[in-house]
Amino acid sequence: MTLRAVLAGTGSALPRTRVSNAELAERVDTSDEWIVERTGIRFRHIAEPDETTATLGADAARQALAAAGLQPADIGLIIVATATPDNTFPASATKVQAILGTPDCIAFDVAAVCSGFLYAVSVADSMLRTGAAKHALVIGSETFSRILDWEDRTTCVLFGDGAGAVVLSAKDVDDDQGILATRLHAEGQYCDMLYVDGGPSTTGTVGHVRMQGREVFRHAVTNLAAVLGEVMADVGLSADQIDWVVPHQANKRIIDATAKKLGLPAERVVLTVDQHANTSAASVPLALDLAVRDGRIKRGDLVVLEAMGGGFTWGAAVLRV
């Protein structure tokens, strides 16, 4: 028997307001055709004032708990991956804990932008296997619309708000169920290619997203293909053995180029960027939940998760559902 972190349930939450490219073009110098051609995005959800990173995260967590057949009191660890916390402190994870009514447990945030959920999964996996908790809530939640410059059409059309969550449970298994391997990377010298131009320690302001799109695209395709190769090699897998890839939903062209580089057929790649845009740390768990709930991803499937974000940070994980 081997103790592993096993996927017990998934959940997601989206803000009430859905914005199409055509609606966005009414306030920004852009068009539906321009956005779709370059990104594959058609819609995004934008949070209303009463919808925050913590409230969306809690809504996604409730769904994941229900899917896992667990109660808030069963959770011993809450990790929220976010670049847009409700406050500088306390951690949004503690606010989720309060909303859910989870009793005293470990709760903290992880900040690795779009790779945050992969980082959080890796941390939770380690903590569960060392006995820190029996059940963990791992949440990616973002309100990226709050840090967008709505005059900059090169960035504001790309992002949306939302949350996704998973319950991971420590379980003794006699097969290859659960998280089999994770790989994480960071290269801080590229931080000026994708960043927010503000912060408590520098400007004392929230700031806005700034990006060098072409450079980000180039690094994303190279880094994501490499880390997918690494994590599959760690468990002795080839591309034809993978049932599903759940990628970070940043740009359809990046997703397509990465899949092509690895020889992965498009029909085995979960794609939601057209409906949600780039929801940063929420994008992978959002896409995972959608594919689980519509029946594509089933028990026993071998699934690879991957993401890259500002920092640069990037990572991947392999799990048997």
C-alpha atoms as a PDB file:
ATOM      1  CA  MET A   1       0.000   0.000   0.000  1.00  0.00           C
ATOM      2  CA  THR A   2       1.159   3.546  -0.780  1.00  0.00           C
ATOM      3  CA  LEU A   3      -0.104   6.751   0.821  1.00  0.00           C
ATOM      4  CA  ARG A   4      -1.077   9.256  -1.867  1.00  0.00           C
ATOM      5  CA  ALA A   5      -3.132  12.416  -2.285  1.00  0.00           C
ATOM      6  CA  VAL A   6      -6.221  11.262  -4.173  1.00  0.00           C
ATOM      7  CA  LEU A   7      -8.702  13.486  -6.019  1.00  0.00           C
ATOM      8  CA  ALA A   8     -11.962  13.183  -4.063  1.00  0.00           C
ATOM      9  CA  GLY A   9     -14.058  15.966  -5.611  1.00  0.00           C
ATOM     10  CA  THR A  10     -14.035  19.024  -7.865  1.00  0.00           C
ATOM     11  CA  GLY A  11     -16.003  22.264  -7.984  1.00  0.00           C
ATOM     12  CA  SER A  12     -16.098  25.647  -9.685  1.00  0.00           C
ATOM     13  CA  ALA A  13     -17.771  29.036  -9.516  1.00  0.00           C
ATOM     14  CA  LEU A  14     -18.181  31.877 -12.002  1.00  0.00           C
ATOM     15  CA  PRO A  15     -19.381  35.446 -11.441  1.00  0.00           C
ATOM     16  CA  ARG A  16     -22.956  36.233 -12.447  1.00  0.00           C
ATOM     17  CA  THR A  17     -21.975  38.665 -15.224  1.00  0.00           C
ATOM     18  CA  ARG A  18     -20.869  37.168 -18.545  1.00  0.00           C
ATOM     19  CA  VAL A  19     -19.297  39.506 -21.093  1.00  0.00           C
ATOM     20  CA  SER A  20     -18.962  38.703 -24.796  1.00  0.00           C
ATOM     21  CA  ASN A  21     -16.296  40.061 -27.111  1.00  0.00           C
ATOM     22  CA  ALA A  22     -18.942  42.198 -28.818  1.00  0.00           C
ATOM     23  CA  GLU A  23     -19.934  43.758 -25.490  1.00  0.00           C
ATOM     24  CA  LEU A  24     -16.293  44.394 -24.645  1.00  0.00           C
ATOM     25  CA  ALA A  25     -15.798  46.075 -28.036  1.00  0.00           C
ATOM     26  CA  GLU A  26     -18.313  48.711 -26.976  1.00  0.00           C
ATOM     27  CA  ARG A  27     -15.855  50.043 -24.396  1.00  0.00           C
ATOM     28  CA  VAL A  28     -12.463  49.037 -25.848  1.00  0.00           C
ATOM     29  CA  ASP A  29     -10.943  49.522 -29.310  1.00  0.00           C
ATOM     30  CA  THR A  30     -11.212  45.886 -30.364  1.00  0.00           C
ATOM     31  CA  SER A  31     -13.509  43.429 -32.129  1.00  0.00           C
ATOM     32  CA  ASP A  32     -14.769  39.895 -31.754  1.00  0.00           C
ATOM     33  CA  GLU A  33     -12.796  38.826 -34.822  1.00  0.00           C
ATOM     34  CA  TRP A  34      -9.539  40.339 -33.508  1.00  0.00           C
ATOM     35  CA  ILE A  35      -9.848  38.624 -30.116  1.00  0.00           C
ATOM     36  CA  VAL A  36     -10.917  35.214 -31.443  1.00  0.00           C
ATOM     37  CA  GLU A  37      -8.196  35.116 -34.099  1.00  0.00           C
ATOM     38  CA  ARG A  38      -5.403  35.881 -31.636  1.00  0.00           C
ATOM     39  CA  THR A  39      -6.620  34.104 -28.501  1.00  0.00           C
ATOM     40  CA  GLY A  40      -9.648  31.878 -29.110  1.00  0.00           C
ATOM     41  CA  ILE A  41     -11.529  33.784 -26.385  1.00  0.00           C
ATOM     42  CA  ARG A  42     -15.232  34.538 -26.927  1.00  0.00           C
ATOM     43  CA  PHE A  43     -16.556  35.197 -23.404  1.00  0.00           C
ATOM     44  CA  ARG A  44     -15.347  35.984 -19.898  1.00  0.00           C
ATOM     45  CA  HIS A  45     -17.040  36.469 -16.524  1.00  0.00           C
ATOM     46  CA  ILE A  46     -16.539  39.706 -14.574  1.00  0.00           C
ATOM     47  CA  ALA A  47     -17.080  39.874 -10.816  1.00  0.00           C
ATOM     48  CA  GLU A  48     -19.669  42.213  -9.360  1.00  0.00           C
ATOM     49  CA  PRO A  49     -18.747  44.278  -6.251  1.00  0.00           C
ATOM     50  CA  ASP A  50     -20.193  41.645  -3.896  1.00  0.00           C
ATOM     51  CA  GLU A  51     -18.194  38.852  -5.580  1.00  0.00           C
ATOM     52  CA  THR A  52     -14.628  38.516  -4.359  1.00  0.00           C
ATOM     53  CA  THR A  53     -11.783  36.036  -4.595  1.00  0.00           C
ATOM     54  CA  ALA A  54     -12.820  34.579  -1.227  1.00  0.00           C
ATOM     55  CA  THR A  55     -16.547  34.313  -1.969  1.00  0.00           C
ATOM     56  CA  LEU A  56     -15.969  32.718  -5.372  1.00  0.00           C
ATOM     57  CA  GLY A  57     -13.412  30.366  -3.819  1.00  0.00           C
ATOM     58  CA  ALA A  58     -15.860  29.366  -1.107  1.00  0.00           C
ATOM     59  CA  ASP A  59     -18.597  28.680  -3.683  1.00  0.00           C
ATOM     60  CA  ALA A  60     -16.242  26.432  -5.658  1.00  0.00           C
ATOM     61  CA  ALA A  61     -15.146  24.736  -2.433  1.00  0.00           C
ATOM     62  CA  ARG A  62     -18.750  23.901  -1.482  1.00  0.00           C
ATOM     63  CA  GLN A  63     -19.214  22.103  -4.796  1.00  0.00           C
ATOM     64  CA  ALA A  64     -15.970  20.175  -4.344  1.00  0.00           C
ATOM     65  CA  LEU A  65     -16.932  19.178  -0.799  1.00  0.00           C
ATOM     66  CA  ALA A  66     -20.339  17.968  -1.985  1.00  0.00           C
ATOM     67  CA  ALA A  67     -18.728  15.941  -4.764  1.00  0.00           C
ATOM     68  CA  ALA A  68     -16.341  14.388  -2.240  1.00  0.00           C
ATOM     69  CA  GLY A  69     -19.152  13.640   0.225  1.00  0.00           C
ATOM     70  CA  LEU A  70     -17.400  15.639   2.941  1.00  0.00           C
ATOM     71  CA  GLN A  71     -18.323  18.428   5.348  1.00  0.00           C
ATOM     72  CA  PRO A  72     -16.307  21.574   6.102  1.00  0.00           C
ATOM     73  CA  ALA A  73     -15.384  20.083   9.483  1.00  0.00           C
ATOM     74  CA  ASP A  74     -13.554  17.241   7.681  1.00  0.00           C
ATOM     75  CA  ILE A  75     -11.025  19.633   6.124  1.00  0.00           C
ATOM     76  CA  GLY A  76      -7.635  20.022   7.803  1.00  0.00           C
ATOM     77  CA  LEU A  77      -5.887  22.145   5.171  1.00  0.00           C
ATOM     78  CA  ILE A  78      -7.034  25.000   2.914  1.00  0.00           C
ATOM     79  CA  ILE A  79      -4.718  26.458   0.281  1.00  0.00           C
ATOM     80  CA  VAL A  80      -5.896  29.274  -1.980  1.00  0.00           C
ATOM     81  CA  ALA A  81      -3.820  30.032  -5.081  1.00  0.00           C
ATOM     82  CA  THR A  82      -4.416  33.640  -6.119  1.00  0.00           C
ATOM     83  CA  ALA A  83      -2.752  36.787  -7.426  1.00  0.00           C
ATOM     84  CA  THR A  84      -5.800  38.860  -6.483  1.00  0.00           C
ATOM     85  CA  PRO A  85      -6.462  38.307  -2.757  1.00  0.00           C
ATOM     86  CA  ASP A  86      -9.305  40.121  -1.030  1.00  0.00           C
ATOM     87  CA  ASN A  87      -6.735  41.911   1.144  1.00  0.00           C
ATOM     88  CA  THR A  88      -2.960  42.144   1.404  1.00  0.00           C
ATOM     89  CA  PHE A  89      -3.609  40.175   4.587  1.00  0.00           C
ATOM     90  CA  PRO A  90      -5.187  38.118   6.039  1.00  0.00           C
ATOM     91  CA  ALA A  91      -4.836  35.289   3.558  1.00  0.00           C
ATOM     92  CA  SER A  92      -7.913  34.687   1.435  1.00  0.00           C
ATOM     93  CA  ALA A  93      -7.725  31.064   2.599  1.00  0.00           C
ATOM     94  CA  THR A  94      -8.650  32.160   6.108  1.00  0.00           C
ATOM     95  CA  LYS A  95     -11.607  34.107   4.717  1.00  0.00           C
ATOM     96  CA  VAL A  96     -12.735  31.000   2.826  1.00  0.00           C
ATOM     97  CA  GLN A  97     -12.351  29.061   6.069  1.00  0.00           C
ATOM     98  CA  ALA A  98     -14.619  31.544   7.851  1.00  0.00           C
ATOM     99  CA  ILE A  99     -17.234  31.523   5.077  1.00  0.00           C
ATOM    100  CA  LEU A 100     -17.389  27.721   5.029  1.00  0.00           C
ATOM    101  CA  GLY A 101     -17.417  27.439   8.817  1.00  0.00           C
ATOM    102  CA  THR A 102     -14.419  25.128   8.803  1.00  0.00           C
ATOM    103  CA  PRO A 103     -13.025  24.739  12.313  1.00  0.00           C
ATOM    104  CA  ASP A 104      -9.402  25.434  13.218  1.00  0.00           C
ATOM    105  CA  CYS A 105      -7.184  24.113  10.427  1.00  0.00           C
ATOM    106  CA  ILE A 106      -4.138  25.067   8.378  1.00  0.00           C
ATOM    107  CA  ALA A 107      -5.022  27.868   5.928  1.00  0.00           C
ATOM    108  CA  PHE A 108      -2.759  29.970   3.708  1.00  0.00           C
ATOM    109  CA  ASP A 109      -2.397  31.462   0.219  1.00  0.00           C
ATOM    110  CA  VAL A 110       0.053  30.636  -2.556  1.00  0.00           C
ATOM    111  CA  ALA A 111       1.126  33.371  -4.992  1.00  0.00           C
ATOM    112  CA  ALA A 112       2.479  31.994  -8.263  1.00  0.00           C
ATOM    113  CA  VAL A 113      -0.022  33.693 -10.597  1.00  0.00           C
ATOM    114  CA  CYS A 114      -1.295  31.370 -13.350  1.00  0.00           C
ATOM    115  CA  SER A 115       0.850  28.489 -12.034  1.00  0.00           C
ATOM    116  CA  GLY A 116      -0.491  28.982  -8.535  1.00  0.00           C
ATOM    117  CA  PHE A 117      -2.881  26.045  -8.584  1.00  0.00           C
ATOM    118  CA  LEU A 118      -0.087  23.661  -9.643  1.00  0.00           C
ATOM    119  CA  TYR A 119       2.128  25.025  -6.868  1.00  0.00           C
ATOM    120  CA  ALA A 120      -0.732  24.638  -4.367  1.00  0.00           C
ATOM    121  CA  VAL A 121      -1.445  21.064  -5.480  1.00  0.00           C
ATOM    122  CA  SER A 122       2.223  20.164  -5.037  1.00  0.00           C
ATOM    123  CA  VAL A 123       2.306  21.686  -1.530  1.00  0.00           C
ATOM    124  CA  ALA A 124      -0.937  19.948  -0.531  1.00  0.00           C
ATOM    125  CA  ASP A 125       0.320  16.636  -1.917  1.00  0.00           C
ATOM    126  CA  SER A 126       3.460  16.862   0.228  1.00  0.00           C
ATOM    127  CA  MET A 127       1.555  17.891   3.356  1.00  0.00           C
ATOM    128  CA  LEU A 128      -1.050  15.152   3.007  1.00  0.00           C
ATOM    129  CA  ARG A 129       1.585  12.476   2.516  1.00  0.00           C
ATOM    130  CA  THR A 130       3.437  13.620   5.645  1.00  0.00           C
ATOM    131  CA  GLY A 131       0.320  13.541   7.797  1.00  0.00           C
ATOM    132  CA  ALA A 132      -0.372  17.273   8.224  1.00  0.00           C
ATOM    133  CA  ALA A 133      -4.021  16.681   7.292  1.00  0.00           C
ATOM    134  CA  LYS A 134      -6.305  13.958   5.984  1.00  0.00           C
ATOM    135  CA  HIS A 135      -8.395  16.096   3.636  1.00  0.00           C
ATOM    136  CA  ALA A 136      -7.347  19.311   1.870  1.00  0.00           C
ATOM    137  CA  LEU A 137      -9.197  21.961  -0.092  1.00  0.00           C
ATOM    138  CA  VAL A 138      -7.011  23.328  -2.893  1.00  0.00           C
ATOM    139  CA  ILE A 139      -8.571  26.352  -4.555  1.00  0.00           C
ATOM    140  CA  GLY A 140      -7.594  28.596  -7.449  1.00  0.00           C
ATOM    141  CA  SER A 141      -9.594  31.814  -7.308  1.00  0.00           C
ATOM    142  CA  GLU A 142      -9.132  35.137  -9.071  1.00  0.00           C
ATOM    143  CA  THR A 143     -10.805  38.499  -9.636  1.00  0.00           C
ATOM    144  CA  PHE A 144      -8.344  39.591 -12.303  1.00  0.00           C
ATOM    145  CA  SER A 145     -10.747  42.213 -13.628  1.00  0.00           C
ATOM    146  CA  ARG A 146      -9.757  44.327 -10.593  1.00  0.00           C
ATOM    147  CA  ILE A 147      -6.170  44.683 -11.810  1.00  0.00           C
ATOM    148  CA  LEU A 148      -6.798  45.234 -15.523  1.00  0.00           C
ATOM    149  CA  ASP A 149      -6.154  48.469 -17.372  1.00  0.00           C
ATOM    150  CA  TRP A 150      -9.375  48.756 -19.356  1.00  0.00           C
ATOM    151  CA  GLU A 151      -7.682  51.172 -21.761  1.00  0.00           C
ATOM    152  CA  ASP A 152      -5.096  48.556 -22.762  1.00  0.00           C
ATOM    153  CA  ARG A 153      -6.723  46.255 -25.304  1.00  0.00           C
ATOM    154  CA  THR A 154      -3.671  43.980 -25.427  1.00  0.00           C
ATOM    155  CA  THR A 155      -4.335  42.788 -21.865  1.00  0.00           C
ATOM    156  CA  CYS A 156      -7.903  43.590 -20.812  1.00  0.00           C
ATOM    157  CA  VAL A 157      -9.455  41.297 -23.436  1.00  0.00           C
ATOM    158  CA  LEU A 158      -7.484  38.300 -22.192  1.00  0.00           C
ATOM    159  CA  PHE A 159      -8.623  37.810 -18.620  1.00  0.00           C
ATOM    160  CA  GLY A 160     -11.702  36.838 -16.654  1.00  0.00           C
ATOM    161  CA  ASP A 161     -12.753  36.034 -13.091  1.00  0.00           C
ATOM    162  CA  GLY A 162     -13.665  32.718 -11.503  1.00  0.00           C
ATOM    163  CA  ALA A 163     -12.701  29.950  -9.117  1.00  0.00           C
ATOM    164  CA  GLY A 164     -12.063  26.226  -9.184  1.00  0.00           C
ATOM    165  CA  ALA A 165     -11.472  23.835  -6.308  1.00  0.00           C
ATOM    166  CA  VAL A 166     -10.503  20.264  -5.587  1.00  0.00           C
ATOM    167  CA  VAL A 167     -10.621  18.117  -2.486  1.00  0.00           C
ATOM    168  CA  LEU A 168      -7.521  15.978  -2.088  1.00  0.00           C
ATOM    169  CA  SER A 169      -7.610  13.162   0.443  1.00  0.00           C
ATOM    170  CA  ALA A 170      -4.744  11.138   1.909  1.00  0.00           C
ATOM    171  CA  LYS A 171      -5.448   7.525   1.067  1.00  0.00           C
ATOM    172  CA  ASP A 172      -3.586   4.220   1.175  1.00  0.00           C
ATOM    173  CA  VAL A 173      -3.813   2.773  -2.319  1.00  0.00           C
ATOM    174  CA  ASP A 174      -2.527  -0.456  -3.839  1.00  0.00           C
ATOM    175  CA  ASP A 175      -2.575   0.876  -7.407  1.00  0.00           C
ATOM    176  CA  ASP A 176      -1.505   4.088  -9.157  1.00  0.00           C
ATOM    177  CA  GLN A 177      -4.506   6.179  -8.089  1.00  0.00           C
ATOM    178  CA  GLY A 178      -3.809   9.749  -6.955  1.00  0.00           C
ATOM    179  CA  ILE A 179      -1.097  12.298  -7.656  1.00  0.00           C
ATOM    180  CA  LEU A 180       1.827  10.450  -9.208  1.00  0.00           C
ATOM    181  CA  ALA A 181       4.286  13.289  -9.828  1.00  0.00           C
ATOM    182  CA  THR A 182       4.611  17.063  -9.854  1.00  0.00           C
ATOM    183  CA  ARG A 183       7.253  19.367 -11.334  1.00  0.00           C
ATOM    184  CA  LEU A 184       7.630  23.089 -10.583  1.00  0.00           C
ATOM    185  CA  HIS A 185       9.944  25.765 -12.015  1.00  0.00           C
ATOM    186  CA  ALA A 186      10.624  29.496 -11.747  1.00  0.00           C
ATOM    187  CA  GLU A 187      12.882  31.960 -13.609  1.00  0.00           C
ATOM    188  CA  GLY A 188      12.704  35.368 -11.952  1.00  0.00           C
ATOM    189  CA  GLN A 189      14.854  37.161 -14.526  1.00  0.00           C
ATOM    190  CA  TYR A 190      11.813  37.256 -16.801  1.00  0.00           C
ATOM    191  CA  CYS A 191       9.554  38.983 -14.286  1.00  0.00           C
ATOM    192  CA  ASP A 192       9.299  42.180 -16.368  1.00  0.00           C
ATOM    193  CA  MET A 193       7.612  40.311 -19.226  1.00  0.00           C
ATOM    194  CA  LEU A 194       4.395  39.660 -17.283  1.00  0.00           C
ATOM    195  CA  TYR A 195       3.760  41.593 -14.086  1.00  0.00           C
ATOM    196  CA  VAL A 196       1.579  44.071 -12.202  1.00  0.00           C
ATOM    197  CA  ASP A 197       3.017  47.589 -11.968  1.00  0.00           C
ATOM    198  CA  GLY A 198       2.095  48.134  -8.329  1.00  0.00           C
ATOM    199  CA  GLY A 199       2.267  46.646  -4.869  1.00  0.00           C
ATOM    200  CA  PRO A 200       2.338  47.515  -1.141  1.00  0.00           C
ATOM    201  CA  SER A 201       6.144  47.611  -0.931  1.00  0.00           C
ATOM    202  CA  THR A 202       6.771  49.582  -4.136  1.00  0.00           C
ATOM    203  CA  THR A 203       4.000  51.958  -5.168  1.00  0.00           C
ATOM    204  CA  GLY A 204       1.508  51.459  -2.371  1.00  0.00           C
ATOM    205  CA  THR A 205      -1.142  50.833  -5.047  1.00  0.00           C
ATOM    206  CA  VAL A 206      -2.742  47.756  -6.574  1.00  0.00           C
ATOM    207  CA  GLY A 207      -1.433  48.462 -10.097  1.00  0.00           C
ATOM    208  CA  HIS A 208      -2.367  46.934 -13.448  1.00  0.00           C
ATOM    209  CA  VAL A 209      -1.318  43.923 -15.500  1.00  0.00           C
ATOM    210  CA  ARG A 210       1.469  44.584 -18.022  1.00  0.00           C
ATOM    211  CA  MET A 211       2.656  42.018 -20.549  1.00  0.00           C
ATOM    212  CA  GLN A 212       5.062  41.513 -23.439  1.00  0.00           C
ATOM    213  CA  GLY A 213       2.763  39.198 -25.343  1.00  0.00           C
ATOM    214  CA  ARG A 214       5.125  37.781 -27.963  1.00  0.00           C
ATOM    215  CA  GLU A 215       7.829  36.931 -25.431  1.00  0.00           C
ATOM    216  CA  VAL A 216       5.321  35.332 -23.070  1.00  0.00           C
ATOM    217  CA  PHE A 217       3.956  33.220 -25.939  1.00  0.00           C
ATOM    218  CA  ARG A 218       7.419  32.010 -26.915  1.00  0.00           C
ATOM    219  CA  HIS A 219       8.456  31.093 -23.382  1.00  0.00           C
ATOM    220  CA  ALA A 220       5.083  29.466 -22.654  1.00  0.00           C
ATOM    221  CA  VAL A 221       5.236  27.007 -25.546  1.00  0.00           C
ATOM    222  CA  THR A 222       8.845  26.048 -24.782  1.00  0.00           C
ATOM    223  CA  ASN A 223       8.471  25.783 -21.002  1.00  0.00           C
ATOM    224  CA  LEU A 224       5.133  23.976 -20.983  1.00  0.00           C
ATOM    225  CA  ALA A 225       6.253  21.370 -23.500  1.00  0.00           C
ATOM    226  CA  ALA A 226       9.421  20.813 -21.455  1.00  0.00           C
ATOM    227  CA  VAL A 227       7.699  20.448 -18.077  1.00  0.00           C
ATOM    228  CA  LEU A 228       5.074  18.112 -19.539  1.00  0.00           C
ATOM    229  CA  GLY A 229       7.885  15.962 -20.884  1.00  0.00           C
ATOM    230  CA  GLU A 230       9.600  15.996 -17.484  1.00  0.00           C
ATOM    231  CA  VAL A 231       6.573  15.020 -15.435  1.00  0.00           C
ATOM    232  CA  MET A 232       5.588  12.239 -17.833  1.00  0.00           C
ATOM    233  CA  ALA A 233       9.142  10.902 -17.790  1.00  0.00           C
ATOM    234  CA  ASP A 234       9.047  10.891 -13.972  1.00  0.00           C
ATOM    235  CA  VAL A 235       6.328   8.244 -14.064  1.00  0.00           C
ATOM    236  CA  GLY A 236       7.460   6.510 -17.250  1.00  0.00           C
ATOM    237  CA  LEU A 237       4.626   7.692 -19.464  1.00  0.00           C
ATOM    238  CA  SER A 238       4.428   8.596 -23.128  1.00  0.00           C
ATOM    239  CA  ALA A 239       1.947  10.994 -24.704  1.00  0.00           C
ATOM    240  CA  ASP A 240      -0.187   8.174 -26.103  1.00  0.00           C
ATOM    241  CA  GLN A 241      -0.838   6.864 -22.569  1.00  0.00           C
ATOM    242  CA  ILE A 242      -2.388  10.134 -21.345  1.00  0.00           C
ATOM    243  CA  ASP A 243      -6.179  10.216 -21.373  1.00  0.00           C
ATOM    244  CA  TRP A 244      -6.569  13.976 -20.834  1.00  0.00           C
ATOM    245  CA  VAL A 245      -4.436  17.104 -20.624  1.00  0.00           C
ATOM    246  CA  VAL A 246      -5.939  19.991 -18.658  1.00  0.00           C
ATOM    247  CA  PRO A 247      -3.824  23.026 -19.588  1.00  0.00           C
ATOM    248  CA  HIS A 248      -3.785  26.567 -18.293  1.00  0.00           C
ATOM    249  CA  GLN A 249      -6.405  28.386 -20.353  1.00  0.00           C
ATOM    250  CA  ALA A 250      -4.466  31.463 -21.448  1.00  0.00           C
ATOM    251  CA  ASN A 251      -4.545  31.366 -25.219  1.00  0.00           C
ATOM    252  CA  LYS A 252      -5.783  28.718 -27.649  1.00  0.00           C
ATOM    253  CA  ARG A 253      -2.722  29.215 -29.843  1.00  0.00           C
ATOM    254  CA  ILE A 254      -0.414  28.405 -26.898  1.00  0.00           C
ATOM    255  CA  ILE A 255      -2.486  25.332 -26.017  1.00  0.00           C
ATOM    256  CA  ASP A 256      -2.482  24.109 -29.630  1.00  0.00           C
ATOM    257  CA  ALA A 257       1.239  24.751 -30.120  1.00  0.00           C
ATOM    258  CA  THR A 258       2.164  22.955 -26.882  1.00  0.00           C
ATOM    259  CA  ALA A 259       0.009  19.934 -27.751  1.00  0.00           C
ATOM    260  CA  LYS A 260       1.499  19.759 -31.235  1.00  0.00           C
ATOM    261  CA  LYS A 261       5.030  19.925 -29.874  1.00  0.00           C
ATOM    262  CA  LEU A 262       4.337  16.888 -27.696  1.00  0.00           C
ATOM    263  CA  GLY A 263       2.299  15.029 -30.283  1.00  0.00           C
ATOM    264  CA  LEU A 264      -0.893  15.211 -28.210  1.00  0.00           C
ATOM    265  CA  PRO A 265      -4.134  15.010 -30.222  1.00  0.00           C
ATOM    266  CA  ALA A 266      -6.480  17.983 -29.807  1.00  0.00           C
ATOM    267  CA  GLU A 267      -9.386  15.738 -28.833  1.00  0.00           C
ATOM    268  CA  ARG A 268      -7.587  14.831 -25.588  1.00  0.00           C
ATOM    269  CA  VAL A 269      -6.998  18.433 -24.523  1.00  0.00           C
ATOM    270  CA  VAL A 270      -9.636  20.129 -22.355  1.00  0.00           C
ATOM    271  CA  LEU A 271     -10.375  23.583 -23.772  1.00  0.00           C
ATOM    272  CA  THR A 272     -12.406  26.241 -21.925  1.00  0.00           C
ATOM    273  CA  VAL A 273     -10.539  29.436 -22.810  1.00  0.00           C
ATOM    274  CA  ASP A 274     -13.276  30.345 -25.301  1.00  0.00           C
ATOM    275  CA  GLN A 275     -15.858  30.544 -22.499  1.00  0.00           C
ATOM    276  CA  HIS A 276     -13.829  31.754 -19.502  1.00  0.00           C
ATOM    277  CA  ALA A 277     -10.776  33.599 -20.937  1.00  0.00           C
ATOM    278  CA  ASN A 278      -7.633  33.476 -18.773  1.00  0.00           C
ATOM    279  CA  THR A 279      -8.676  33.140 -15.134  1.00  0.00           C
ATOM    280  CA  SER A 280      -5.069  32.787 -13.935  1.00  0.00           C
ATOM    281  CA  ALA A 281      -4.790  30.399 -10.959  1.00  0.00           C
ATOM    282  CA  ALA A 282      -8.452  29.413 -11.394  1.00  0.00           C
ATOM    283  CA  SER A 283      -8.141  28.253 -14.988  1.00  0.00           C
ATOM    284  CA  VAL A 284      -6.843  24.704 -14.473  1.00  0.00           C
ATOM    285  CA  PRO A 285      -9.299  23.721 -11.695  1.00  0.00           C
ATOM    286  CA  LEU A 286     -12.170  25.381 -13.582  1.00  0.00           C
ATOM    287  CA  ALA A 287     -11.387  23.341 -16.694  1.00  0.00           C
ATOM    288  CA  LEU A 288     -10.845  20.188 -14.651  1.00  0.00           C
ATOM    289  CA  ASP A 289     -14.220  20.535 -12.931  1.00  0.00           C
ATOM    290  CA  LEU A 290     -16.012  21.134 -16.236  1.00  0.00           C
ATOM    291  CA  ALA A 291     -14.479  18.015 -17.798  1.00  0.00           C
ATOM    292  CA  VAL A 292     -15.303  15.904 -14.730  1.00  0.00           C
ATOM    293  CA  ARG A 293     -18.909  17.102 -14.585  1.00  0.00           C
ATOM    294  CA  ASP A 294     -19.619  16.650 -18.298  1.00  0.00           C
ATOM    295  CA  GLY A 295     -18.301  13.098 -18.136  1.00  0.00           C
ATOM    296  CA  ARG A 296     -15.164  13.427 -20.212  1.00  0.00           C
ATOM    297  CA  ILE A 297     -12.807  12.735 -17.316  1.00  0.00           C
ATOM    298  CA  LYS A 298     -13.782   9.505 -15.545  1.00  0.00           C
ATOM    299  CA  ARG A 299     -12.483   7.461 -12.644  1.00  0.00           C
ATOM    300  CA  GLY A 300      -9.338   5.658 -13.701  1.00  0.00           C
ATOM    301  CA  ASP A 301      -8.309   8.228 -16.314  1.00  0.00           C
ATOM    302  CA  LEU A 302      -4.717   9.407 -16.419  1.00  0.00           C
ATOM    303  CA  VAL A 303      -4.719  13.212 -16.402  1.00  0.00           C
ATOM    304  CA  VAL A 304      -1.943  15.778 -16.791  1.00  0.00           C
ATOM    305  CA  LEU A 305      -2.314  19.350 -15.497  1.00  0.00           C
ATOM    306  CA  GLU A 306      -0.012  22.176 -16.621  1.00  0.00           C
ATOM    307  CA  ALA A 307       0.312  25.946 -16.314  1.00  0.00           C
ATOM    308  CA  MET A 308       2.699  28.870 -16.719  1.00  0.00           C
ATOM    309  CA  GLY A 309       2.410  32.378 -15.323  1.00  0.00           C
ATOM    310  CA  GLY A 310       4.182  35.569 -14.371  1.00  0.00           C
ATOM    311  CA  GLY A 311       7.484  35.200 -12.612  1.00  0.00           C
ATOM    312  CA  PHE A 312       7.988  33.241 -14.803  1.00  0.00           C
ATOM    313  CA  THR A 313       6.632  30.245 -12.923  1.00  0.00           C
ATOM    314  CA  TRP A 314       5.453  27.008 -14.474  1.00  0.00           C
ATOM    315  CA  GLY A 315       4.626  23.462 -13.515  1.00  0.00           C
ATOM    316  CA  ALA A 316       2.799  20.219 -14.229  1.00  0.00           C
ATOM    317  CA  ALA A 317       1.252  17.295 -12.383  1.00  0.00           C
ATOM    318  CA  VAL A 318       0.212  13.768 -13.330  1.00  0.00           C
ATOM    319  CA  LEU A 319      -2.641  12.056 -11.506  1.00  0.00           C
ATOM    320  CA  ARG A 320      -4.804   8.997 -11.867  1.00  0.00           C
ATOM    321  CA  VAL A 321      -8.363  10.159 -11.136  1.00  0.00           C
END
